[in-house]
Amino acid sequence: MSDTLNPSAMLAAPFTWTSSTPDLVLTFAAGTSPVNVDVASGSYRILLAASSGTTTEFLAALQSAINAALLAAARAETMTVSMRSDGLVSITSTGAVTMAGIHSTALGLLLGFTDNVATSFTTRYGAQLPRHCALLCGQQMDPWAPTREMAVEIAAGGTTYGVVGSSETHETQARFDFIPDEPAMTSDAITPWAPAKANLATVGTHSGVWSVRDMLRLAIGQTWGYAHDYQAVLASSSERFDLVSVHPDTIRAPRIGRTIPDVIRYTTWTARLVRVTPYTTTRA
């Protein structure tokens, strides 16, 4: 559809990946086959993470693991793992390859490859948006408001004196419109507000389509990546994005409403976000 909404902003939460050897099986019509791929266990985020540190970017780690396994198997193919402008994960190969069983694996669930496709391909993309992130649109964002811990008084004559903390806190309110109420409510490439009704009792742990509510259920203690311009961050690894925590008020009692009054389809969500030092980073 020409009027389908695509994401303009992205929130990415950290998750712990535990390798379940093999994480991915690649098969080929000729030569060494199958080729087993394992992604190292660790802490990751989807797209919005640096290439090094305690939490790194999962798609880059998967691409490196695939190409290392292909090289070890003396195969000439190389593969690229990336996100598309509509938020779906894409896997591209320089030669025809099959990954028929990915839909029943933890990797397939994470990246949205939930459809059972047994044929070979050179480019394949997920059937749904990846988990542990929210791809959103209709964004309005207040400027980052800085505050600093201090003990300050005014002396006689009007002079101020006191002690000032070394770090600032930056806070903003971001409003996101046109969030589908639940999966399949619209054809938009936007993360839904809530999971399917059958998964409401298992928010944050179910295996269905991921939602903003799943993100919030796990948000305590997490540092998220926040790209207020998803398309710019996607296009350039040097484009900076924010590192944020979710304000307790937003976790406890999210501010939501109707994007279009009296139309039960789209949710508006207003989130309080607080920058975490070093405040911003890049994917490089």
Protein backbone atom coordinates (compact mmCIF):
# COMPACT_ATOMS: atom_id res chain seq x y z
CA MET A 1 0.00 0.00 0.00
CA SER A 2 1.28 3.46 -0.87
CA ASP A 3 0.11 4.93 2.47
CA THR A 4 1.77 2.31 4.69
CA LEU A 5 3.75 3.91 7.51
CA ASN A 6 7.49 3.24 7.84
CA PRO A 7 9.55 3.87 10.98
CA SER A 8 11.22 7.22 11.62
CA ALA A 9 12.50 6.43 15.15
CA MET A 10 13.90 3.39 16.93
CA LEU A 11 14.36 2.21 20.50
CA ALA A 12 16.62 -0.80 21.07
CA ALA A 13 16.90 -2.64 24.38
CA PRO A 14 19.79 -4.89 25.44
CA PHE A 15 19.26 -8.63 25.57
CA THR A 16 21.35 -11.61 26.56
CA TRP A 17 22.11 -14.02 23.74
CA THR A 18 23.03 -17.59 24.63
CA SER A 19 24.46 -19.59 21.76
CA SER A 20 22.69 -22.91 21.12
CA THR A 21 25.16 -24.58 18.75
CA PRO A 22 24.43 -24.39 15.90
CA ASP A 23 22.56 -21.09 15.87
CA LEU A 24 22.16 -21.15 12.08
CA VAL A 25 22.56 -23.87 9.46
CA LEU A 26 23.38 -22.86 5.87
CA THR A 27 23.03 -25.40 3.08
CA PHE A 28 24.29 -25.21 -0.50
CA ALA A 29 23.63 -27.19 -3.69
CA ALA A 30 27.32 -28.04 -4.14
CA GLY A 31 30.57 -27.94 -2.22
CA THR A 32 30.94 -28.04 1.56
CA SER A 33 27.47 -28.22 3.04
CA PRO A 34 25.95 -27.72 5.53
CA VAL A 35 27.85 -24.87 7.18
CA ASN A 36 27.06 -24.35 10.88
CA VAL A 37 27.16 -20.85 12.35
CA ASP A 38 27.44 -19.88 16.02
CA VAL A 39 27.09 -16.37 17.43
CA ALA A 40 29.08 -15.81 20.62
CA SER A 41 27.03 -15.57 23.81
CA GLY A 42 26.89 -12.06 25.23
CA SER A 43 24.95 -8.83 25.66
CA TYR A 44 23.67 -7.24 22.45
CA ARG A 45 21.30 -4.65 21.00
CA ILE A 46 19.76 -4.67 17.53
CA LEU A 47 21.40 -1.96 15.34
CA LEU A 48 21.78 0.69 18.07
CA ALA A 49 25.05 -0.40 19.66
CA ALA A 50 28.74 0.14 19.10
CA SER A 51 31.03 -2.45 17.56
CA SER A 52 32.89 -2.89 20.87
CA GLY A 53 32.11 -2.69 24.57
CA THR A 54 30.00 -4.62 27.07
CA THR A 55 26.92 -4.49 24.81
CA THR A 56 27.54 -4.77 21.07
CA GLU A 57 25.50 -4.83 17.88
CA PHE A 58 23.95 -8.20 17.13
CA LEU A 59 23.51 -8.00 13.35
CA ALA A 60 27.20 -7.18 12.88
CA ALA A 61 28.15 -10.07 15.17
CA LEU A 62 25.92 -12.44 13.19
CA GLN A 63 27.38 -11.28 9.87
CA SER A 64 30.93 -11.78 11.16
CA ALA A 65 30.07 -15.25 12.47
CA ILE A 66 28.48 -16.28 9.15
CA ASN A 67 31.39 -15.10 7.04
CA ALA A 68 33.94 -16.67 9.38
CA ALA A 69 32.13 -20.01 9.12
CA LEU A 70 31.98 -19.75 5.31
CA LEU A 71 35.68 -18.97 5.14
CA ALA A 72 36.51 -21.90 7.42
CA ALA A 73 34.49 -24.16 5.12
CA ALA A 74 36.49 -22.90 2.12
CA ARG A 75 33.39 -21.43 0.50
CA ALA A 76 33.61 -18.36 -1.77
CA GLU A 77 30.27 -16.83 -0.74
CA THR A 78 29.95 -13.88 1.63
CA MET A 79 26.78 -12.71 3.34
CA THR A 80 25.48 -9.38 4.60
CA VAL A 81 23.05 -8.96 7.51
CA SER A 82 21.35 -5.56 7.77
CA MET A 83 18.10 -3.75 8.48
CA ARG A 84 15.90 -2.28 5.78
CA SER A 85 14.23 1.13 5.80
CA ASP A 86 10.99 -0.59 6.89
CA GLY A 87 12.73 -2.15 9.90
CA LEU A 88 12.82 -5.74 8.69
CA VAL A 89 16.10 -7.66 8.91
CA SER A 90 17.60 -8.66 5.56
CA ILE A 91 20.16 -11.37 4.77
CA THR A 92 21.90 -11.19 1.40
CA SER A 93 24.31 -13.75 -0.06
CA THR A 94 26.63 -13.57 -3.05
CA GLY A 95 25.51 -17.11 -3.95
CA ALA A 96 22.33 -19.16 -3.58
CA VAL A 97 21.89 -20.53 -0.05
CA THR A 98 19.15 -22.21 1.97
CA MET A 99 18.38 -21.76 5.68
CA ALA A 100 15.21 -23.81 5.79
CA GLY A 101 15.03 -24.36 9.55
CA ILE A 102 15.61 -20.82 10.78
CA HIS A 103 11.92 -20.25 11.53
CA SER A 104 12.03 -22.77 14.40
CA THR A 105 15.20 -21.41 16.03
CA ALA A 106 15.92 -18.75 18.67
CA LEU A 107 17.73 -16.76 15.96
CA GLY A 108 14.72 -16.81 13.66
CA LEU A 109 12.41 -15.70 16.49
CA LEU A 110 14.77 -12.86 17.46
CA LEU A 111 15.20 -11.47 13.94
CA GLY A 112 11.64 -12.05 12.67
CA PHE A 113 12.40 -14.96 10.31
CA THR A 114 9.31 -16.83 11.44
CA ASP A 115 8.08 -18.00 8.02
CA ASN A 116 8.91 -21.51 6.82
CA VAL A 117 10.80 -20.99 3.53
CA ALA A 118 12.68 -24.04 2.26
CA THR A 119 13.84 -22.67 -1.10
CA SER A 120 17.27 -21.19 -1.83
CA PHE A 121 17.75 -17.42 -2.02
CA THR A 122 20.28 -14.66 -2.51
CA THR A 123 18.21 -12.12 -0.55
CA ARG A 124 15.72 -12.91 2.17
CA TYR A 125 14.10 -10.70 4.79
CA GLY A 126 12.11 -11.32 7.95
CA ALA A 127 8.38 -11.86 8.07
CA GLN A 128 8.03 -9.54 11.06
CA LEU A 129 10.02 -6.86 12.89
CA PRO A 130 12.81 -8.02 15.21
CA ARG A 131 12.40 -8.42 18.96
CA HIS A 132 13.94 -6.28 21.73
CA CYS A 133 13.41 -3.10 19.75
CA ALA A 134 10.59 -0.75 18.83
CA LEU A 135 10.35 0.89 15.42
CA LEU A 136 8.04 3.87 15.67
CA CYS A 137 6.86 6.97 13.82
CA GLY A 138 4.94 10.23 14.25
CA GLN A 139 7.60 11.46 16.66
CA GLN A 140 7.54 14.77 18.50
CA MET A 141 10.39 15.36 20.95
CA ASP A 142 11.13 18.08 23.49
CA PRO A 143 14.69 19.46 23.71
CA TRP A 144 16.98 17.61 26.11
CA ALA A 145 16.67 19.49 29.43
CA PRO A 146 19.88 19.34 31.52
CA THR A 147 19.88 19.18 35.33
CA ARG A 148 22.84 18.79 37.67
CA GLU A 149 23.03 17.64 41.30
CA MET A 150 24.05 20.55 43.52
CA ALA A 151 23.75 22.11 46.95
CA VAL A 152 23.56 25.86 46.43
CA GLU A 153 22.64 28.75 48.72
CA ILE A 154 22.58 32.52 48.40
CA ALA A 155 24.79 34.47 50.77
CA ALA A 156 24.07 37.92 52.09
CA GLY A 157 24.52 40.34 49.25
CA GLY A 158 23.23 37.88 46.66
CA THR A 159 26.36 35.79 46.00
CA THR A 160 25.75 32.08 45.41
CA TYR A 161 27.93 29.36 46.91
CA GLY A 162 27.81 25.58 47.12
CA VAL A 163 28.89 22.27 45.60
CA VAL A 164 28.07 21.15 42.07
CA GLY A 165 28.07 17.53 40.84
CA SER A 166 30.34 16.53 37.98
CA SER A 167 27.65 14.97 35.76
CA GLU A 168 24.49 16.26 34.18
CA THR A 169 21.19 14.48 33.69
CA HIS A 170 19.42 15.10 30.38
CA GLU A 171 15.70 14.37 30.12
CA THR A 172 13.19 14.64 27.31
CA GLN A 173 9.61 13.74 26.52
CA ALA A 174 9.13 11.95 23.22
CA ARG A 175 5.69 11.41 21.77
CA PHE A 176 5.06 8.67 19.22
CA ASP A 177 1.85 8.57 17.18
CA PHE A 178 0.23 5.99 14.91
CA ILE A 179 1.37 2.96 16.93
CA PRO A 180 -0.88 0.02 15.96
CA ASP A 181 -2.84 -1.16 18.98
CA GLU A 182 -1.77 -4.77 18.48
CA PRO A 183 -0.21 -7.05 15.81
CA ALA A 184 -1.99 -7.22 12.45
CA MET A 185 -4.21 -4.25 13.35
CA THR A 186 -2.71 -2.38 10.36
CA SER A 187 -0.26 -3.11 7.53
CA ASP A 188 2.20 -0.48 8.82
CA ALA A 189 5.85 -1.39 9.47
CA ILE A 190 5.56 -0.14 13.06
CA THR A 191 6.01 -2.05 16.31
CA PRO A 192 2.57 -2.48 17.95
CA TRP A 193 1.72 -1.05 21.37
CA ALA A 194 0.63 -4.38 22.87
CA PRO A 195 1.17 -8.03 22.00
CA ALA A 196 -1.63 -10.22 20.69
CA LYS A 197 -4.44 -10.67 23.23
CA ALA A 198 -3.43 -14.30 23.75
CA ASN A 199 -0.02 -13.09 25.01
CA LEU A 200 -1.16 -10.39 27.45
CA ALA A 201 -0.54 -12.69 30.44
CA THR A 202 3.06 -13.30 29.34
CA VAL A 203 4.22 -9.81 28.37
CA GLY A 204 8.01 -9.78 28.02
CA THR A 205 8.39 -13.56 27.75
CA HIS A 206 6.05 -14.78 24.98
CA SER A 207 7.16 -15.91 21.52
CA GLY A 208 4.67 -13.83 19.54
CA VAL A 209 5.09 -10.49 17.76
CA TRP A 210 7.08 -8.11 20.00
CA SER A 211 5.49 -4.88 21.25
CA VAL A 212 6.26 -1.65 23.10
CA ARG A 213 4.67 -3.14 26.20
CA ASP A 214 7.13 -6.04 26.04
CA MET A 215 9.96 -3.49 25.93
CA LEU A 216 8.63 -1.64 28.97
CA ARG A 217 8.11 -4.85 30.92
CA LEU A 218 11.89 -5.46 30.77
CA ALA A 219 13.07 -1.83 30.96
CA ILE A 220 14.11 -1.60 34.63
CA GLY A 221 17.88 -1.27 34.85
CA GLN A 222 18.36 -1.29 31.08
CA THR A 223 20.19 1.21 28.87
CA TRP A 224 18.42 1.57 25.52
CA GLY A 225 19.65 2.97 22.25
CA TYR A 226 17.38 5.73 20.95
CA ALA A 227 17.57 6.95 17.36
CA HIS A 228 15.22 9.88 16.88
CA ASP A 229 16.12 9.65 13.17
CA TYR A 230 16.18 5.92 12.44
CA GLN A 231 16.72 6.37 8.71
CA ALA A 232 19.83 8.55 9.25
CA VAL A 233 21.37 6.12 11.74
CA LEU A 234 20.59 3.24 9.39
CA ALA A 235 22.29 5.03 6.49
CA SER A 236 25.51 5.96 8.33
CA SER A 237 27.43 4.16 11.06
CA SER A 238 28.89 7.52 12.15
CA GLU A 239 25.46 9.07 12.84
CA ARG A 240 25.09 9.53 16.60
CA PHE A 241 22.19 8.16 18.64
CA ASP A 242 21.27 8.53 22.32
CA LEU A 243 21.83 6.15 25.20
CA VAL A 244 18.81 6.35 27.50
CA SER A 245 17.04 4.83 30.43
CA VAL A 246 13.26 4.89 30.69
CA HIS A 247 11.93 7.08 33.48
CA PRO A 248 10.21 5.07 36.24
CA ASP A 249 6.94 6.94 35.67
CA THR A 250 6.87 5.74 32.06
CA ILE A 251 7.50 2.15 33.15
CA ARG A 252 4.98 2.31 36.01
CA ALA A 253 2.08 4.05 34.27
CA PRO A 254 2.64 4.72 30.54
CA ARG A 255 0.94 7.82 29.12
CA ILE A 256 -1.11 6.67 26.17
CA GLY A 257 -4.09 7.90 24.21
CA ARG A 258 -5.78 7.75 20.84
CA THR A 259 -3.86 9.18 17.86
CA ILE A 260 -7.17 9.74 16.06
CA PRO A 261 -10.06 10.34 18.49
CA ASP A 262 -12.71 7.62 18.47
CA VAL A 263 -10.73 5.48 16.00
CA ILE A 264 -9.73 2.22 17.69
CA ARG A 265 -6.60 1.43 15.70
CA TYR A 266 -3.70 3.72 16.59
CA THR A 267 -2.15 4.48 20.00
CA THR A 268 -0.17 7.58 20.97
CA TRP A 269 2.54 7.04 23.59
CA THR A 270 4.44 9.76 25.45
CA ALA A 271 7.68 8.55 27.02
CA ARG A 272 10.03 10.22 29.50
CA LEU A 273 13.59 9.31 28.54
CA VAL A 274 16.79 10.09 30.47
CA ARG A 275 20.22 10.10 28.86
CA VAL A 276 22.82 7.74 30.33
CA THR A 277 26.50 8.71 30.21
CA PRO A 278 28.30 8.99 27.83
CA TYR A 279 24.91 10.24 26.51
CA THR A 280 25.46 9.43 22.82
CA THR A 281 27.43 7.02 20.66
CA THR A 282 27.64 5.63 17.13
CA ARG A 283 27.57 2.21 15.51
CA ALA A 284 31.21 2.56 14.41
